[in-house]
Amino acid sequence: MLISLSYPLSSSTPFYDGLQKPRIDPLYQLSKGDVCNSSYFTTSNHCGTHVDAPNHFNPSGRKIADFSPEELVFDDVREYRLPLAPSELIEARHFDALGSSYEPCKALILRSGYGIYRTKNPHAYVHDNPGFSRSGAERLMEQLPNLKALLVDFPSISATRHEAEGAEAHRVFLGCQGYGERTILLAEDCAIPDPLPGIERLFLVPWFVEGLDSAPCTIWAETSK
């Protein structure tokens, strides 16, 4: 069975004040006598469910179209419950409960519970979200040596009200010079059902756009039921 861990993009997708939300501009319309329906679609590549590739912060890092399909399928997926308050920073101590059983993990689904704000209070969802500190990012990378992808139920690894710390965390995860050589993919604004069924494989499917640092994506999980 397949389930979706991503949200569809729409004009109501929560996004930051002052930035344009996704927009559809009809080009041809059957209702107006045209031969087909066709539209221009405009969006930020960091709006809605999307994946950050290394080039988002790392000038020498790989862009999203540089990844092969094989690198976007993960067969050891774990969930980690970490309840977080609005604007809370994820520190190293938050991963004290990550035991050795998590070491083989290739894709970690971090459930903060903050996803309820996406519909409850979209403005708070994008302006008061929790996010990583540098120490939290470093601890996670240390404890999960096989990690290839991180999924979160908030709009960005960066807490909006702690932008500097969030930038540092991105640099750790995306392998910037002086921060480490390993890189992982960061899937943000993910739809994580509760309870989450056991996952056998996870498929992260981004838009492959040449020259783009990161991209909107669809995420499917193959469950054991």
N, C-alpha and C. Protein backbone atom coordinates (compact mmCIF):
# COMPACT_ATOMS: atom_id res chain seq x y z
N MET A 1 0.85 -1.19 0.00
CA MET A 1 0.00 0.00 0.00
C MET A 1 0.88 1.25 0.00
N LEU A 2 0.48 2.25 -0.77
CA LEU A 2 1.22 3.51 -0.82
C LEU A 2 0.42 4.61 -0.12
N ILE A 3 1.11 5.43 0.66
CA ILE A 3 0.49 6.61 1.25
C ILE A 3 1.33 7.84 0.88
N SER A 4 0.69 9.00 0.89
CA SER A 4 1.39 10.23 0.55
C SER A 4 1.84 10.94 1.82
N LEU A 5 3.06 11.46 1.78
CA LEU A 5 3.59 12.27 2.89
C LEU A 5 3.83 13.70 2.44
N SER A 6 3.12 14.11 1.38
CA SER A 6 3.30 15.46 0.83
C SER A 6 1.94 16.11 0.62
N TYR A 7 1.96 17.45 0.60
CA TYR A 7 0.75 18.23 0.36
C TYR A 7 0.71 18.68 -1.10
N PRO A 8 -0.49 18.74 -1.70
CA PRO A 8 -0.58 19.34 -3.03
C PRO A 8 -0.36 20.84 -2.95
N LEU A 9 0.27 21.40 -3.97
CA LEU A 9 0.45 22.85 -4.04
C LEU A 9 -0.85 23.52 -4.46
N SER A 10 -1.13 24.68 -3.88
CA SER A 10 -2.30 25.45 -4.28
C SER A 10 -2.08 26.91 -3.89
N SER A 11 -3.01 27.76 -4.29
CA SER A 11 -2.92 29.18 -3.96
C SER A 11 -3.10 29.42 -2.47
N SER A 12 -3.57 28.41 -1.74
CA SER A 12 -3.74 28.55 -0.28
C SER A 12 -2.62 27.91 0.51
N THR A 13 -1.60 27.40 -0.16
CA THR A 13 -0.45 26.82 0.56
C THR A 13 0.18 27.88 1.45
N PRO A 14 0.37 27.59 2.74
CA PRO A 14 0.98 28.59 3.62
C PRO A 14 2.37 28.99 3.13
N PHE A 15 2.62 30.31 3.10
CA PHE A 15 3.93 30.80 2.66
C PHE A 15 4.18 32.13 3.35
N TYR A 16 5.40 32.62 3.24
CA TYR A 16 5.82 33.79 4.00
C TYR A 16 5.18 35.08 3.49
N ASP A 17 4.87 35.98 4.42
CA ASP A 17 4.31 37.27 4.05
C ASP A 17 5.23 37.99 3.07
N GLY A 18 4.63 38.60 2.08
CA GLY A 18 5.40 39.37 1.11
C GLY A 18 5.91 38.57 -0.06
N LEU A 19 5.79 37.23 0.00
CA LEU A 19 6.23 36.38 -1.11
C LEU A 19 5.02 35.80 -1.82
N GLN A 20 5.14 35.68 -3.12
CA GLN A 20 4.02 35.22 -3.93
C GLN A 20 3.73 33.75 -3.70
N LYS A 21 2.45 33.43 -3.50
CA LYS A 21 2.03 32.04 -3.38
C LYS A 21 1.91 31.43 -4.78
N PRO A 22 1.77 30.11 -4.85
CA PRO A 22 1.58 29.48 -6.16
C PRO A 22 0.41 30.10 -6.92
N ARG A 23 0.59 30.24 -8.25
CA ARG A 23 -0.42 30.90 -9.06
C ARG A 23 -0.59 30.16 -10.38
N ILE A 24 -1.84 29.99 -10.77
CA ILE A 24 -2.16 29.36 -12.05
C ILE A 24 -2.74 30.43 -12.98
N ASP A 25 -2.14 30.59 -14.14
CA ASP A 25 -2.63 31.53 -15.16
C ASP A 25 -3.04 30.73 -16.39
N PRO A 26 -4.35 30.65 -16.65
CA PRO A 26 -4.81 29.87 -17.81
C PRO A 26 -4.22 30.40 -19.12
N LEU A 27 -3.79 29.47 -19.96
CA LEU A 27 -3.30 29.80 -21.30
C LEU A 27 -4.37 29.46 -22.34
N TYR A 28 -4.88 28.22 -22.26
CA TYR A 28 -5.99 27.77 -23.10
C TYR A 28 -7.05 27.18 -22.18
N GLN A 29 -8.32 27.37 -22.54
CA GLN A 29 -9.43 26.88 -21.72
C GLN A 29 -10.52 26.29 -22.60
N LEU A 30 -10.91 25.06 -22.29
CA LEU A 30 -12.00 24.43 -23.01
C LEU A 30 -13.28 25.24 -22.87
N SER A 31 -13.47 25.83 -21.67
CA SER A 31 -14.70 26.59 -21.41
C SER A 31 -14.82 27.84 -22.29
N LYS A 32 -13.69 28.25 -22.88
CA LYS A 32 -13.69 29.43 -23.77
C LYS A 32 -13.57 29.05 -25.24
N GLY A 33 -13.75 27.74 -25.51
CA GLY A 33 -13.72 27.28 -26.88
C GLY A 33 -12.37 26.85 -27.39
N ASP A 34 -11.34 26.85 -26.55
CA ASP A 34 -10.01 26.40 -26.96
C ASP A 34 -10.01 24.87 -27.11
N VAL A 35 -9.00 24.35 -27.79
CA VAL A 35 -8.94 22.93 -28.08
C VAL A 35 -8.58 22.09 -26.85
N CYS A 36 -8.02 22.72 -25.83
CA CYS A 36 -7.60 21.98 -24.64
C CYS A 36 -7.48 22.94 -23.46
N ASN A 37 -7.23 22.39 -22.28
CA ASN A 37 -6.87 23.19 -21.12
C ASN A 37 -5.36 23.19 -20.96
N SER A 38 -4.79 24.36 -20.73
CA SER A 38 -3.35 24.49 -20.50
C SER A 38 -3.10 25.78 -19.73
N SER A 39 -2.11 25.75 -18.85
CA SER A 39 -1.87 26.91 -17.99
C SER A 39 -0.38 27.11 -17.76
N TYR A 40 -0.04 28.34 -17.39
CA TYR A 40 1.26 28.61 -16.79
C TYR A 40 1.10 28.46 -15.29
N PHE A 41 2.13 27.85 -14.67
CA PHE A 41 2.10 27.64 -13.22
C PHE A 41 3.34 28.29 -12.63
N THR A 42 3.16 29.18 -11.65
CA THR A 42 4.28 29.91 -11.05
C THR A 42 4.34 29.60 -9.56
N THR A 43 5.53 29.26 -9.08
CA THR A 43 5.70 29.01 -7.65
C THR A 43 7.17 29.17 -7.26
N SER A 44 7.39 29.44 -5.99
CA SER A 44 8.74 29.35 -5.43
C SER A 44 9.13 27.88 -5.33
N ASN A 45 10.40 27.59 -5.52
CA ASN A 45 10.82 26.20 -5.38
C ASN A 45 10.96 25.78 -3.91
N HIS A 46 10.67 26.70 -2.98
CA HIS A 46 10.71 26.36 -1.56
C HIS A 46 9.34 26.57 -0.89
N CYS A 47 8.29 26.51 -1.68
CA CYS A 47 6.92 26.64 -1.17
C CYS A 47 6.27 25.27 -1.12
N GLY A 48 5.56 24.98 -0.04
CA GLY A 48 4.89 23.69 0.08
C GLY A 48 5.88 22.58 0.37
N THR A 49 5.44 21.35 0.18
CA THR A 49 6.34 20.22 0.37
C THR A 49 7.44 20.27 -0.68
N HIS A 50 8.67 20.37 -0.22
CA HIS A 50 9.80 20.49 -1.15
C HIS A 50 11.03 19.86 -0.52
N VAL A 51 12.05 19.68 -1.34
CA VAL A 51 13.29 19.07 -0.85
C VAL A 51 14.46 20.00 -1.12
N ASP A 52 15.22 20.28 -0.06
CA ASP A 52 16.45 21.07 -0.18
C ASP A 52 17.59 20.14 -0.58
N ALA A 53 18.22 20.44 -1.69
CA ALA A 53 19.45 19.76 -2.10
C ALA A 53 20.64 20.60 -1.63
N PRO A 54 21.85 20.04 -1.63
CA PRO A 54 23.01 20.76 -1.10
C PRO A 54 23.23 22.16 -1.64
N ASN A 55 22.94 22.37 -2.93
CA ASN A 55 23.22 23.67 -3.55
C ASN A 55 22.37 24.80 -2.97
N HIS A 56 21.37 24.48 -2.18
CA HIS A 56 20.54 25.51 -1.54
C HIS A 56 21.40 26.45 -0.69
N PHE A 57 22.41 25.90 0.01
CA PHE A 57 23.31 26.71 0.81
C PHE A 57 24.77 26.51 0.42
N ASN A 58 25.06 25.46 -0.30
CA ASN A 58 26.43 25.08 -0.61
C ASN A 58 26.73 25.40 -2.09
N PRO A 59 27.54 26.42 -2.38
CA PRO A 59 27.78 26.81 -3.78
C PRO A 59 28.40 25.71 -4.62
N SER A 60 29.11 24.79 -3.99
CA SER A 60 29.71 23.68 -4.74
C SER A 60 28.90 22.39 -4.61
N GLY A 61 27.75 22.48 -3.96
CA GLY A 61 26.93 21.30 -3.73
C GLY A 61 26.07 20.91 -4.92
N ARG A 62 25.58 19.70 -4.88
CA ARG A 62 24.76 19.17 -5.97
C ARG A 62 23.39 19.86 -6.01
N LYS A 63 22.92 20.08 -7.23
CA LYS A 63 21.58 20.62 -7.43
C LYS A 63 20.59 19.46 -7.54
N ILE A 64 19.31 19.79 -7.49
CA ILE A 64 18.32 18.73 -7.38
C ILE A 64 18.32 17.79 -8.58
N ALA A 65 18.58 18.29 -9.78
CA ALA A 65 18.56 17.43 -10.96
C ALA A 65 19.81 16.55 -11.06
N ASP A 66 20.76 16.74 -10.15
CA ASP A 66 21.99 15.93 -10.16
C ASP A 66 21.78 14.57 -9.49
N PHE A 67 20.63 14.38 -8.83
CA PHE A 67 20.40 13.14 -8.10
C PHE A 67 19.76 12.09 -9.01
N SER A 68 20.21 10.86 -8.86
CA SER A 68 19.63 9.76 -9.64
C SER A 68 18.42 9.20 -8.90
N PRO A 69 17.51 8.53 -9.61
CA PRO A 69 16.35 7.94 -8.94
C PRO A 69 16.73 6.99 -7.80
N GLU A 70 17.82 6.25 -7.99
CA GLU A 70 18.24 5.30 -6.96
C GLU A 70 18.59 5.99 -5.64
N GLU A 71 19.03 7.24 -5.72
CA GLU A 71 19.39 7.97 -4.51
C GLU A 71 18.18 8.54 -3.77
N LEU A 72 17.02 8.39 -4.36
CA LEU A 72 15.81 8.99 -3.81
C LEU A 72 14.82 7.94 -3.30
N VAL A 73 15.31 6.71 -3.16
CA VAL A 73 14.51 5.63 -2.59
C VAL A 73 15.23 5.15 -1.33
N PHE A 74 14.48 5.06 -0.23
CA PHE A 74 15.10 4.76 1.08
C PHE A 74 14.40 3.56 1.70
N ASP A 75 15.20 2.60 2.16
CA ASP A 75 14.63 1.35 2.64
C ASP A 75 14.79 1.12 4.13
N ASP A 76 15.34 2.05 4.86
CA ASP A 76 15.37 1.95 6.32
C ASP A 76 14.87 3.28 6.86
N VAL A 77 13.57 3.34 7.11
CA VAL A 77 12.90 4.59 7.47
C VAL A 77 12.43 4.50 8.91
N ARG A 78 12.76 5.51 9.70
CA ARG A 78 12.36 5.53 11.10
C ARG A 78 11.61 6.83 11.42
N GLU A 79 10.74 6.74 12.41
CA GLU A 79 10.02 7.91 12.91
C GLU A 79 10.57 8.28 14.28
N TYR A 80 10.74 9.57 14.51
CA TYR A 80 11.19 10.07 15.82
C TYR A 80 10.22 11.15 16.27
N ARG A 81 9.56 10.89 17.39
CA ARG A 81 8.60 11.85 17.93
C ARG A 81 9.32 12.85 18.82
N LEU A 82 9.18 14.12 18.47
CA LEU A 82 9.84 15.18 19.22
C LEU A 82 8.88 16.37 19.33
N PRO A 83 7.97 16.37 20.30
CA PRO A 83 7.02 17.48 20.44
C PRO A 83 7.76 18.80 20.64
N LEU A 84 7.36 19.81 19.84
CA LEU A 84 8.04 21.10 19.88
C LEU A 84 7.02 22.22 20.00
N ALA A 85 7.41 23.27 20.71
CA ALA A 85 6.59 24.46 20.87
C ALA A 85 6.87 25.44 19.74
N PRO A 86 5.98 26.41 19.52
CA PRO A 86 6.26 27.43 18.50
C PRO A 86 7.61 28.09 18.71
N SER A 87 8.35 28.23 17.64
CA SER A 87 9.67 28.89 17.60
C SER A 87 10.74 28.19 18.43
N GLU A 88 10.47 26.99 18.90
CA GLU A 88 11.47 26.27 19.70
C GLU A 88 12.64 25.81 18.83
N LEU A 89 13.84 25.96 19.36
CA LEU A 89 15.04 25.50 18.66
C LEU A 89 15.35 24.06 19.06
N ILE A 90 15.66 23.25 18.07
CA ILE A 90 16.05 21.87 18.30
C ILE A 90 17.53 21.85 18.62
N GLU A 91 17.84 21.45 19.85
CA GLU A 91 19.23 21.42 20.33
C GLU A 91 19.74 19.99 20.37
N ALA A 92 21.02 19.83 20.65
CA ALA A 92 21.64 18.51 20.73
C ALA A 92 20.91 17.61 21.72
N ARG A 93 20.49 18.17 22.85
CA ARG A 93 19.85 17.39 23.90
C ARG A 93 18.55 16.73 23.44
N HIS A 94 17.93 17.27 22.42
CA HIS A 94 16.68 16.70 21.94
C HIS A 94 16.86 15.31 21.33
N PHE A 95 18.10 14.92 21.06
CA PHE A 95 18.34 13.62 20.47
C PHE A 95 19.00 12.65 21.44
N ASP A 96 18.91 12.95 22.73
CA ASP A 96 19.46 12.04 23.74
C ASP A 96 18.75 10.69 23.72
N ALA A 97 17.49 10.69 23.27
CA ALA A 97 16.72 9.45 23.26
C ALA A 97 16.95 8.61 22.00
N LEU A 98 17.76 9.13 21.08
CA LEU A 98 18.07 8.36 19.87
C LEU A 98 19.08 7.28 20.22
N GLY A 99 18.63 6.07 20.39
CA GLY A 99 19.52 4.98 20.76
C GLY A 99 20.22 4.37 19.57
N SER A 100 21.00 3.35 19.84
CA SER A 100 21.79 2.69 18.79
C SER A 100 20.91 2.01 17.75
N SER A 101 19.66 1.72 18.10
CA SER A 101 18.76 1.06 17.15
C SER A 101 18.46 1.95 15.94
N TYR A 102 18.69 3.25 16.08
CA TYR A 102 18.45 4.18 14.98
C TYR A 102 19.63 4.29 14.02
N GLU A 103 20.79 3.75 14.37
CA GLU A 103 22.00 3.95 13.57
C GLU A 103 21.88 3.54 12.10
N PRO A 104 21.14 2.44 11.77
CA PRO A 104 21.03 2.08 10.35
C PRO A 104 20.11 3.00 9.55
N CYS A 105 19.42 3.91 10.22
CA CYS A 105 18.39 4.73 9.59
C CYS A 105 18.93 5.51 8.40
N LYS A 106 18.21 5.43 7.27
CA LYS A 106 18.59 6.18 6.07
C LYS A 106 17.67 7.38 5.83
N ALA A 107 16.43 7.28 6.30
CA ALA A 107 15.49 8.40 6.20
C ALA A 107 14.78 8.53 7.55
N LEU A 108 14.88 9.70 8.15
CA LEU A 108 14.27 9.94 9.45
C LEU A 108 13.07 10.87 9.28
N ILE A 109 11.92 10.44 9.79
CA ILE A 109 10.72 11.27 9.81
C ILE A 109 10.61 11.88 11.20
N LEU A 110 10.81 13.18 11.28
CA LEU A 110 10.77 13.88 12.56
C LEU A 110 9.37 14.45 12.77
N ARG A 111 8.66 13.90 13.74
CA ARG A 111 7.30 14.35 14.02
C ARG A 111 7.33 15.29 15.23
N SER A 112 7.06 16.56 14.97
CA SER A 112 7.04 17.55 16.06
C SER A 112 5.63 17.83 16.56
N GLY A 113 4.63 17.46 15.74
CA GLY A 113 3.25 17.81 16.06
C GLY A 113 2.86 19.19 15.59
N TYR A 114 3.83 19.94 15.05
CA TYR A 114 3.55 21.32 14.64
C TYR A 114 2.71 21.39 13.36
N GLY A 115 2.60 20.28 12.68
CA GLY A 115 1.83 20.26 11.45
C GLY A 115 0.36 20.63 11.61
N ILE A 116 -0.17 20.53 12.84
CA ILE A 116 -1.57 20.89 13.05
C ILE A 116 -1.83 22.36 12.76
N TYR A 117 -0.78 23.19 12.87
CA TYR A 117 -0.94 24.62 12.63
C TYR A 117 -1.11 24.95 11.15
N ARG A 118 -0.81 24.00 10.29
CA ARG A 118 -0.87 24.29 8.85
C ARG A 118 -2.28 24.71 8.43
N THR A 119 -3.28 24.06 9.00
CA THR A 119 -4.67 24.45 8.73
C THR A 119 -5.27 25.27 9.87
N LYS A 120 -4.81 25.01 11.08
CA LYS A 120 -5.35 25.71 12.24
C LYS A 120 -4.97 27.19 12.26
N ASN A 121 -3.72 27.48 11.91
CA ASN A 121 -3.23 28.86 11.90
C ASN A 121 -2.07 28.96 10.90
N PRO A 122 -2.38 29.08 9.60
CA PRO A 122 -1.33 29.07 8.57
C PRO A 122 -0.27 30.15 8.77
N HIS A 123 -0.65 31.33 9.28
CA HIS A 123 0.34 32.39 9.50
C HIS A 123 1.35 31.95 10.56
N ALA A 124 0.87 31.39 11.66
CA ALA A 124 1.77 30.90 12.71
C ALA A 124 2.63 29.75 12.19
N TYR A 125 2.05 28.94 11.30
CA TYR A 125 2.78 27.79 10.78
C TYR A 125 4.09 28.19 10.12
N VAL A 126 4.06 29.31 9.37
CA VAL A 126 5.28 29.72 8.66
C VAL A 126 6.09 30.80 9.38
N HIS A 127 5.51 31.46 10.36
CA HIS A 127 6.24 32.54 11.03
C HIS A 127 6.66 32.22 12.47
N ASP A 128 6.10 31.15 13.04
CA ASP A 128 6.45 30.76 14.41
C ASP A 128 6.87 29.30 14.48
N ASN A 129 7.35 28.77 13.38
CA ASN A 129 7.70 27.35 13.34
C ASN A 129 8.94 27.03 14.16
N PRO A 130 9.00 25.82 14.71
CA PRO A 130 10.25 25.36 15.31
C PRO A 130 11.28 25.09 14.24
N GLY A 131 12.53 24.90 14.64
CA GLY A 131 13.58 24.61 13.68
C GLY A 131 14.87 24.21 14.36
N PHE A 132 15.85 23.86 13.58
CA PHE A 132 17.12 23.34 14.10
C PHE A 132 18.10 24.44 14.47
N SER A 133 18.85 24.19 15.53
CA SER A 133 20.07 24.94 15.82
C SER A 133 21.24 24.18 15.18
N ARG A 134 22.39 24.82 15.15
CA ARG A 134 23.57 24.12 14.62
C ARG A 134 23.89 22.90 15.47
N SER A 135 23.80 23.03 16.79
CA SER A 135 24.15 21.90 17.66
C SER A 135 23.20 20.72 17.44
N GLY A 136 21.92 21.02 17.21
CA GLY A 136 20.98 19.95 16.94
C GLY A 136 21.28 19.23 15.65
N ALA A 137 21.64 19.99 14.61
CA ALA A 137 21.99 19.39 13.33
C ALA A 137 23.25 18.53 13.45
N GLU A 138 24.24 19.05 14.14
CA GLU A 138 25.49 18.30 14.30
C GLU A 138 25.27 17.00 15.07
N ARG A 139 24.46 17.06 16.14
CA ARG A 139 24.20 15.85 16.92
C ARG A 139 23.48 14.80 16.08
N LEU A 140 22.51 15.22 15.30
CA LEU A 140 21.77 14.26 14.48
C LEU A 140 22.69 13.60 13.46
N MET A 141 23.55 14.38 12.83
CA MET A 141 24.48 13.82 11.86
C MET A 141 25.46 12.85 12.51
N GLU A 142 25.88 13.15 13.73
CA GLU A 142 26.80 12.28 14.45
C GLU A 142 26.13 10.95 14.83
N GLN A 143 24.90 11.03 15.30
CA GLN A 143 24.23 9.83 15.81
C GLN A 143 23.67 8.94 14.71
N LEU A 144 23.43 9.51 13.54
CA LEU A 144 22.87 8.72 12.43
C LEU A 144 23.85 8.74 11.25
N PRO A 145 24.87 7.92 11.29
CA PRO A 145 25.93 7.97 10.26
C PRO A 145 25.46 7.52 8.88
N ASN A 146 24.31 6.85 8.80
CA ASN A 146 23.81 6.38 7.51
C ASN A 146 22.68 7.23 6.96
N LEU A 147 22.37 8.32 7.65
CA LEU A 147 21.23 9.14 7.26
C LEU A 147 21.44 9.79 5.89
N LYS A 148 20.40 9.68 5.04
CA LYS A 148 20.44 10.27 3.69
C LYS A 148 19.35 11.33 3.51
N ALA A 149 18.29 11.26 4.31
CA ALA A 149 17.18 12.20 4.14
C ALA A 149 16.50 12.44 5.48
N LEU A 150 16.07 13.68 5.68
CA LEU A 150 15.34 14.08 6.88
C LEU A 150 14.03 14.71 6.44
N LEU A 151 12.91 14.25 7.03
CA LEU A 151 11.59 14.79 6.73
C LEU A 151 11.04 15.46 7.99
N VAL A 152 10.49 16.66 7.84
CA VAL A 152 9.95 17.38 9.00
C VAL A 152 8.53 17.87 8.70
N ASP A 153 7.73 18.01 9.76
CA ASP A 153 6.34 18.45 9.62
C ASP A 153 6.20 19.94 9.94
N PHE A 154 7.20 20.71 9.56
CA PHE A 154 7.12 22.18 9.64
C PHE A 154 7.77 22.73 8.37
N PRO A 155 7.56 24.02 8.06
CA PRO A 155 7.86 24.50 6.71
C PRO A 155 9.33 24.65 6.36
N SER A 156 10.21 24.68 7.34
CA SER A 156 11.63 24.85 7.05
C SER A 156 12.47 24.32 8.21
N ILE A 157 13.66 23.83 7.88
CA ILE A 157 14.64 23.47 8.91
C ILE A 157 14.95 24.68 9.77
N SER A 158 14.85 25.87 9.19
CA SER A 158 15.11 27.12 9.92
C SER A 158 13.85 27.59 10.62
N ALA A 159 13.95 27.84 11.92
CA ALA A 159 12.88 28.53 12.63
C ALA A 159 12.88 29.98 12.17
N THR A 160 11.73 30.48 11.73
CA THR A 160 11.68 31.83 11.16
C THR A 160 12.22 32.87 12.12
N ARG A 161 11.97 32.71 13.40
CA ARG A 161 12.41 33.70 14.39
C ARG A 161 13.84 33.45 14.88
N HIS A 162 14.50 32.44 14.31
CA HIS A 162 15.91 32.15 14.65
C HIS A 162 16.65 31.89 13.34
N GLU A 163 16.59 32.86 12.46
CA GLU A 163 17.10 32.68 11.10
C GLU A 163 18.58 32.34 11.05
N ALA A 164 19.39 32.99 11.89
CA ALA A 164 20.83 32.73 11.86
C ALA A 164 21.15 31.30 12.26
N GLU A 165 20.49 30.80 13.31
CA GLU A 165 20.71 29.42 13.74
C GLU A 165 20.25 28.45 12.65
N GLY A 166 19.13 28.79 12.02
CA GLY A 166 18.62 27.93 10.96
C GLY A 166 19.55 27.85 9.77
N ALA A 167 20.18 28.97 9.43
CA ALA A 167 21.15 28.97 8.34
C ALA A 167 22.34 28.08 8.69
N GLU A 168 22.79 28.16 9.93
CA GLU A 168 23.90 27.31 10.37
C GLU A 168 23.52 25.83 10.28
N ALA A 169 22.29 25.50 10.68
CA ALA A 169 21.84 24.11 10.61
C ALA A 169 21.80 23.62 9.17
N HIS A 170 21.29 24.46 8.27
CA HIS A 170 21.29 24.10 6.85
C HIS A 170 22.72 23.81 6.37
N ARG A 171 23.68 24.63 6.78
CA ARG A 171 25.05 24.45 6.32
C ARG A 171 25.63 23.12 6.81
N VAL A 172 25.23 22.71 8.02
CA VAL A 172 25.68 21.42 8.53
C VAL A 172 25.09 20.29 7.68
N PHE A 173 23.79 20.32 7.50
CA PHE A 173 23.11 19.24 6.76
C PHE A 173 23.52 19.19 5.29
N LEU A 174 23.86 20.34 4.71
CA LEU A 174 24.11 20.40 3.27
C LEU A 174 25.59 20.43 2.92
N GLY A 175 26.45 20.15 3.91
CA GLY A 175 27.87 19.91 3.64
C GLY A 175 28.67 21.12 3.20
N CYS A 176 28.35 22.29 3.74
CA CYS A 176 29.11 23.48 3.37
C CYS A 176 30.54 23.39 3.89
N GLN A 177 31.46 24.09 3.24
CA GLN A 177 32.86 24.06 3.62
C GLN A 177 33.01 24.49 5.08
N GLY A 178 33.75 23.67 5.84
CA GLY A 178 33.96 23.95 7.25
C GLY A 178 32.90 23.36 8.16
N TYR A 179 31.89 22.69 7.58
CA TYR A 179 30.80 22.13 8.38
C TYR A 179 30.74 20.61 8.30
N GLY A 180 31.54 20.00 7.48
CA GLY A 180 31.50 18.56 7.31
C GLY A 180 31.32 18.19 5.86
N GLU A 181 31.67 16.96 5.51
CA GLU A 181 31.63 16.53 4.11
C GLU A 181 30.32 15.83 3.75
N ARG A 182 29.65 15.24 4.72
CA ARG A 182 28.41 14.52 4.43
C ARG A 182 27.28 15.50 4.10
N THR A 183 26.38 15.05 3.26
CA THR A 183 25.19 15.82 2.96
C THR A 183 23.96 14.92 3.08
N ILE A 184 22.83 15.52 3.43
CA ILE A 184 21.57 14.80 3.40
C ILE A 184 20.54 15.69 2.71
N LEU A 185 19.48 15.07 2.24
CA LEU A 185 18.38 15.81 1.64
C LEU A 185 17.39 16.21 2.73
N LEU A 186 16.84 17.40 2.61
CA LEU A 186 15.93 17.94 3.63
C LEU A 186 14.55 18.13 3.02
N ALA A 187 13.61 17.29 3.41
CA ALA A 187 12.23 17.41 2.94
C ALA A 187 11.43 18.18 3.98
N GLU A 188 10.91 19.34 3.58
CA GLU A 188 10.24 20.25 4.51
C GLU A 188 8.76 20.37 4.17
N ASP A 189 7.96 20.72 5.18
CA ASP A 189 6.51 20.85 5.02
C ASP A 189 5.90 19.52 4.58
N CYS A 190 6.23 18.46 5.31
CA CYS A 190 5.73 17.13 4.98
C CYS A 190 4.42 16.85 5.71
N ALA A 191 3.57 16.04 5.10
CA ALA A 191 2.30 15.62 5.69
C ALA A 191 2.52 14.26 6.36
N ILE A 192 2.52 14.23 7.66
CA ILE A 192 2.83 13.00 8.40
C ILE A 192 1.59 12.54 9.15
N PRO A 193 0.95 11.45 8.71
CA PRO A 193 -0.25 10.97 9.39
C PRO A 193 0.08 10.42 10.77
N ASP A 194 -0.93 10.44 11.63
CA ASP A 194 -0.76 9.91 12.99
C ASP A 194 -1.95 8.99 13.30
N PRO A 195 -1.70 7.71 13.50
CA PRO A 195 -0.39 7.07 13.55
C PRO A 195 0.20 6.86 12.16
N LEU A 196 1.50 6.72 12.12
CA LEU A 196 2.20 6.46 10.87
C LEU A 196 2.40 4.95 10.72
N PRO A 197 1.87 4.34 9.66
CA PRO A 197 2.06 2.89 9.48
C PRO A 197 3.54 2.56 9.31
N GLY A 198 3.89 1.31 9.54
CA GLY A 198 5.25 0.87 9.29
C GLY A 198 5.63 1.06 7.83
N ILE A 199 6.77 1.66 7.58
CA ILE A 199 7.19 1.98 6.21
C ILE A 199 8.30 1.03 5.77
N GLU A 200 8.10 0.42 4.62
CA GLU A 200 9.12 -0.47 4.06
C GLU A 200 10.07 0.28 3.13
N ARG A 201 9.51 1.19 2.34
CA ARG A 201 10.34 2.03 1.47
C ARG A 201 9.70 3.40 1.33
N LEU A 202 10.57 4.38 1.14
CA LEU A 202 10.11 5.76 0.96
C LEU A 202 10.65 6.28 -0.36
N PHE A 203 9.78 6.93 -1.14
CA PHE A 203 10.13 7.45 -2.47
C PHE A 203 10.01 8.98 -2.43
N LEU A 204 11.11 9.65 -2.62
CA LEU A 204 11.16 11.10 -2.65
C LEU A 204 11.30 11.52 -4.11
N VAL A 205 10.25 12.17 -4.65
CA VAL A 205 10.19 12.44 -6.10
C VAL A 205 10.13 13.94 -6.34
N PRO A 206 11.26 14.58 -6.58
CA PRO A 206 11.27 16.03 -6.83
C PRO A 206 11.04 16.35 -8.29
N TRP A 207 10.71 17.61 -8.55
CA TRP A 207 10.73 18.11 -9.93
C TRP A 207 12.20 18.20 -10.35
N PHE A 208 12.54 17.59 -11.48
CA PHE A 208 13.92 17.66 -11.97
C PHE A 208 14.03 18.84 -12.93
N VAL A 209 14.48 19.95 -12.39
CA VAL A 209 14.63 21.18 -13.18
C VAL A 209 16.11 21.51 -13.24
N GLU A 210 16.68 21.51 -14.42
CA GLU A 210 18.10 21.81 -14.58
C GLU A 210 18.43 23.20 -14.03
N GLY A 211 19.49 23.27 -13.24
CA GLY A 211 19.96 24.55 -12.72
C GLY A 211 19.32 24.99 -11.42
N LEU A 212 18.30 24.26 -10.96
CA LEU A 212 17.58 24.65 -9.75
C LEU A 212 18.22 24.02 -8.52
N ASP A 213 18.38 24.81 -7.44
CA ASP A 213 19.03 24.27 -6.24
C ASP A 213 18.18 23.19 -5.59
N SER A 214 16.89 23.41 -5.48
CA SER A 214 15.97 22.53 -4.77
C SER A 214 14.64 22.54 -5.52
N ALA A 215 13.66 21.72 -5.07
CA ALA A 215 12.43 21.67 -5.86
C ALA A 215 11.26 21.16 -5.03
N PRO A 216 10.03 21.56 -5.41
CA PRO A 216 8.85 20.90 -4.86
C PRO A 216 8.95 19.40 -5.12
N CYS A 217 8.30 18.62 -4.28
CA CYS A 217 8.41 17.18 -4.44
C CYS A 217 7.12 16.48 -3.98
N THR A 218 6.98 15.29 -4.44
CA THR A 218 5.96 14.36 -3.95
C THR A 218 6.69 13.27 -3.19
N ILE A 219 6.12 12.86 -2.06
CA ILE A 219 6.73 11.81 -1.25
C ILE A 219 5.70 10.70 -1.05
N TRP A 220 6.08 9.50 -1.47
CA TRP A 220 5.24 8.33 -1.25
C TRP A 220 5.96 7.37 -0.32
N ALA A 221 5.19 6.70 0.51
CA ALA A 221 5.74 5.68 1.39
C ALA A 221 5.01 4.37 1.14
N GLU A 222 5.77 3.33 0.98
CA GLU A 222 5.22 1.98 0.82
C GLU A 222 5.13 1.37 2.21
N THR A 223 3.93 1.06 2.64
CA THR A 223 3.72 0.57 3.99
C THR A 223 3.62 -0.95 4.01
N SER A 224 3.72 -1.49 5.20
CA SER A 224 3.68 -2.95 5.37
C SER A 224 2.26 -3.49 5.39
N LYS A 225 1.25 -2.61 5.37
CA LYS A 225 -0.16 -3.05 5.38
C LYS A 225 -0.85 -2.64 4.08
